[in-house]
Amino acid sequence: MPAALLTAAQLAATSALTAWMAIGFTRRPGRWMRYPLFSRATYVIIDLTGVKDGRTEPVNPYLYLSPGAFLLPPPQLQTVIDHLISTGRYDRIDGRGRCVSVKGEQPITVVANRVVL
């Protein structure tokens, strides 16, 4: 096979793969050859503050996720907060942040140990 033909084939394959990856990040979930991990994921970015005996400290909910987990959807955030309250680590947890999903960003708050969208 001539070297020029091999180079042209590599260039065409690289261009096709690059175009496929760029189109894969559009907002139409569920379409053929899309990235469902990114288009259907729901996660929370939030700053939490825990109160115990009148003292406040920041709370990192990601410390309480399963190993390898990196997405924190609202129901799982509520589970982490319930665990921290039931074990007596904190008396109250509050916070503000945003919930990111295929619908876009929306504000999320934690008021008196309850997640509110």
C-alpha atoms as a PDB file:
ATOM      1  CA  MET A   1       0.000   0.000   0.000  1.00  0.00           C
ATOM      2  CA  PRO A   2       1.465   3.396  -0.933  1.00  0.00           C
ATOM      3  CA  ALA A   3       2.437   5.673   1.963  1.00  0.00           C
ATOM      4  CA  ALA A   4       0.288   8.535   0.625  1.00  0.00           C
ATOM      5  CA  LEU A   5      -2.812   6.313   0.650  1.00  0.00           C
ATOM      6  CA  LEU A   6      -2.114   5.214   4.235  1.00  0.00           C
ATOM      7  CA  THR A   7      -1.668   8.834   5.355  1.00  0.00           C
ATOM      8  CA  ALA A   8      -4.916   9.857   3.645  1.00  0.00           C
ATOM      9  CA  ALA A   9      -6.763   6.964   5.332  1.00  0.00           C
ATOM     10  CA  GLN A  10      -5.347   7.932   8.747  1.00  0.00           C
ATOM     11  CA  LEU A  11      -6.317  11.562   8.203  1.00  0.00           C
ATOM     12  CA  ALA A  12      -9.856  10.585   7.180  1.00  0.00           C
ATOM     13  CA  ALA A  13     -10.260   8.249  10.162  1.00  0.00           C
ATOM     14  CA  THR A  14      -8.927  10.881  12.577  1.00  0.00           C
ATOM     15  CA  SER A  15     -11.221  13.550  11.125  1.00  0.00           C
ATOM     16  CA  ALA A  16     -14.259  11.264  11.358  1.00  0.00           C
ATOM     17  CA  LEU A  17     -13.489  10.341  14.972  1.00  0.00           C
ATOM     18  CA  THR A  18     -12.968  13.992  15.936  1.00  0.00           C
ATOM     19  CA  ALA A  19     -16.260  15.027  14.323  1.00  0.00           C
ATOM     20  CA  TRP A  20     -18.108  12.159  16.013  1.00  0.00           C
ATOM     21  CA  MET A  21     -16.736  13.174  19.434  1.00  0.00           C
ATOM     22  CA  ALA A  22     -17.602  16.855  18.918  1.00  0.00           C
ATOM     23  CA  ILE A  23     -21.173  16.052  17.840  1.00  0.00           C
ATOM     24  CA  GLY A  24     -21.536  13.648  20.786  1.00  0.00           C
ATOM     25  CA  PHE A  25     -21.580  16.511  23.283  1.00  0.00           C
ATOM     26  CA  THR A  26     -24.739  18.133  21.910  1.00  0.00           C
ATOM     27  CA  ARG A  27     -27.882  18.355  24.069  1.00  0.00           C
ATOM     28  CA  ARG A  28     -29.951  15.681  22.318  1.00  0.00           C
ATOM     29  CA  PRO A  29     -29.848  12.698  24.713  1.00  0.00           C
ATOM     30  CA  GLY A  30     -30.699   9.232  23.548  1.00  0.00           C
ATOM     31  CA  ARG A  31     -29.698   9.724  19.924  1.00  0.00           C
ATOM     32  CA  TRP A  32     -27.475   7.273  18.118  1.00  0.00           C
ATOM     33  CA  MET A  33     -23.762   7.605  18.954  1.00  0.00           C
ATOM     34  CA  ARG A  34     -24.274  10.126  21.786  1.00  0.00           C
ATOM     35  CA  TYR A  35     -22.574  10.127  25.188  1.00  0.00           C
ATOM     36  CA  PRO A  36     -25.352   8.997  27.568  1.00  0.00           C
ATOM     37  CA  LEU A  37     -23.123   9.428  30.633  1.00  0.00           C
ATOM     38  CA  PHE A  38     -22.943  13.175  30.090  1.00  0.00           C
ATOM     39  CA  SER A  39     -26.381  13.756  28.611  1.00  0.00           C
ATOM     40  CA  ARG A  40     -28.376  11.889  31.272  1.00  0.00           C
ATOM     41  CA  ALA A  41     -26.307  12.459  34.399  1.00  0.00           C
ATOM     42  CA  THR A  42     -27.731  14.494  37.269  1.00  0.00           C
ATOM     43  CA  TYR A  43     -25.391  15.765  39.925  1.00  0.00           C
ATOM     44  CA  VAL A  44     -25.110  18.396  42.619  1.00  0.00           C
ATOM     45  CA  ILE A  45     -22.411  20.986  43.241  1.00  0.00           C
ATOM     46  CA  ILE A  46     -23.015  22.285  46.752  1.00  0.00           C
ATOM     47  CA  ASP A  47     -21.386  23.934  49.781  1.00  0.00           C
ATOM     48  CA  LEU A  48     -22.637  22.409  53.023  1.00  0.00           C
ATOM     49  CA  THR A  49     -22.191  23.669  56.566  1.00  0.00           C
ATOM     50  CA  GLY A  50     -22.709  21.386  59.533  1.00  0.00           C
ATOM     51  CA  VAL A  51     -23.592  22.576  63.031  1.00  0.00           C
ATOM     52  CA  LYS A  52     -22.665  20.564  66.133  1.00  0.00           C
ATOM     53  CA  ASP A  53     -23.014  22.041  69.633  1.00  0.00           C
ATOM     54  CA  GLY A  54     -23.113  25.581  68.240  1.00  0.00           C
ATOM     55  CA  ARG A  55     -19.907  25.213  66.193  1.00  0.00           C
ATOM     56  CA  THR A  56     -19.996  25.242  62.404  1.00  0.00           C
ATOM     57  CA  GLU A  57     -17.711  23.489  59.960  1.00  0.00           C
ATOM     58  CA  PRO A  58     -17.789  22.696  56.240  1.00  0.00           C
ATOM     59  CA  VAL A  59     -19.147  19.295  55.235  1.00  0.00           C
ATOM     60  CA  ASN A  60     -17.779  17.360  52.258  1.00  0.00           C
ATOM     61  CA  PRO A  61     -20.511  14.917  51.137  1.00  0.00           C
ATOM     62  CA  TYR A  62     -18.140  13.254  48.654  1.00  0.00           C
ATOM     63  CA  LEU A  63     -16.241  11.643  51.540  1.00  0.00           C
ATOM     64  CA  TYR A  64     -19.285   9.469  52.194  1.00  0.00           C
ATOM     65  CA  LEU A  65     -19.800   8.124  48.657  1.00  0.00           C
ATOM     66  CA  SER A  66     -18.914   4.614  47.559  1.00  0.00           C
ATOM     67  CA  PRO A  67     -15.380   4.136  46.239  1.00  0.00           C
ATOM     68  CA  GLY A  68     -15.284   5.069  42.562  1.00  0.00           C
ATOM     69  CA  ALA A  69     -18.491   7.114  42.701  1.00  0.00           C
ATOM     70  CA  PHE A  70     -18.144  10.714  41.594  1.00  0.00           C
ATOM     71  CA  LEU A  71     -21.708  11.834  40.794  1.00  0.00           C
ATOM     72  CA  LEU A  72     -23.941  13.009  43.612  1.00  0.00           C
ATOM     73  CA  PRO A  73     -27.620  13.243  42.606  1.00  0.00           C
ATOM     74  CA  PRO A  74     -30.116  14.885  45.012  1.00  0.00           C
ATOM     75  CA  PRO A  75     -31.536  11.613  46.467  1.00  0.00           C
ATOM     76  CA  GLN A  76     -28.043  10.399  47.296  1.00  0.00           C
ATOM     77  CA  LEU A  77     -27.190  13.789  48.840  1.00  0.00           C
ATOM     78  CA  GLN A  78     -30.258  13.418  51.071  1.00  0.00           C
ATOM     79  CA  THR A  79     -29.076   9.930  52.083  1.00  0.00           C
ATOM     80  CA  VAL A  80     -25.647  11.271  53.055  1.00  0.00           C
ATOM     81  CA  ILE A  81     -27.225  14.092  55.082  1.00  0.00           C
ATOM     82  CA  ASP A  82     -29.592  11.645  56.830  1.00  0.00           C
ATOM     83  CA  HIS A  83     -26.606   9.436  57.711  1.00  0.00           C
ATOM     84  CA  LEU A  84     -24.626  12.349  59.172  1.00  0.00           C
ATOM     85  CA  ILE A  85     -27.594  13.465  61.284  1.00  0.00           C
ATOM     86  CA  SER A  86     -28.572   9.963  62.470  1.00  0.00           C
ATOM     87  CA  THR A  87     -25.011   9.128  63.567  1.00  0.00           C
ATOM     88  CA  GLY A  88     -24.889  12.310  65.654  1.00  0.00           C
ATOM     89  CA  ARG A  89     -22.023  13.863  63.733  1.00  0.00           C
ATOM     90  CA  TYR A  90     -24.065  17.040  63.183  1.00  0.00           C
ATOM     91  CA  ASP A  91     -27.205  18.544  64.690  1.00  0.00           C
ATOM     92  CA  ARG A  92     -28.089  20.479  61.556  1.00  0.00           C
ATOM     93  CA  ILE A  93     -26.804  20.763  57.991  1.00  0.00           C
ATOM     94  CA  ASP A  94     -27.508  23.672  55.642  1.00  0.00           C
ATOM     95  CA  GLY A  95     -26.147  24.612  52.243  1.00  0.00           C
ATOM     96  CA  ARG A  96     -26.561  26.172  48.816  1.00  0.00           C
ATOM     97  CA  GLY A  97     -25.536  25.042  45.377  1.00  0.00           C
ATOM     98  CA  ARG A  98     -26.823  23.979  42.001  1.00  0.00           C
ATOM     99  CA  CYS A  99     -28.165  20.822  40.442  1.00  0.00           C
ATOM    100  CA  VAL A 100     -26.917  20.093  36.925  1.00  0.00           C
ATOM    101  CA  SER A 101     -28.880  17.808  34.606  1.00  0.00           C
ATOM    102  CA  VAL A 102     -29.991  17.497  31.008  1.00  0.00           C
ATOM    103  CA  LYS A 103     -32.549  20.228  31.803  1.00  0.00           C
ATOM    104  CA  GLY A 104     -29.752  22.658  32.670  1.00  0.00           C
ATOM    105  CA  GLU A 105     -28.801  24.166  36.011  1.00  0.00           C
ATOM    106  CA  GLN A 106     -31.228  24.891  38.798  1.00  0.00           C
ATOM    107  CA  PRO A 107     -30.610  26.131  42.333  1.00  0.00           C
ATOM    108  CA  ILE A 108     -30.630  23.627  45.168  1.00  0.00           C
ATOM    109  CA  THR A 109     -30.580  24.308  48.877  1.00  0.00           C
ATOM    110  CA  VAL A 110     -30.348  22.256  52.041  1.00  0.00           C
ATOM    111  CA  VAL A 111     -32.445  23.728  54.834  1.00  0.00           C
ATOM    112  CA  ALA A 112     -32.670  22.038  58.232  1.00  0.00           C
ATOM    113  CA  ASN A 113     -31.313  18.717  56.883  1.00  0.00           C
ATOM    114  CA  ARG A 114     -33.681  18.597  53.879  1.00  0.00           C
ATOM    115  CA  VAL A 115     -32.708  18.906  50.211  1.00  0.00           C
ATOM    116  CA  VAL A 116     -34.942  21.423  48.421  1.00  0.00           C
ATOM    117  CA  LEU A 117     -34.865  21.823  44.643  1.00  0.00           C
END
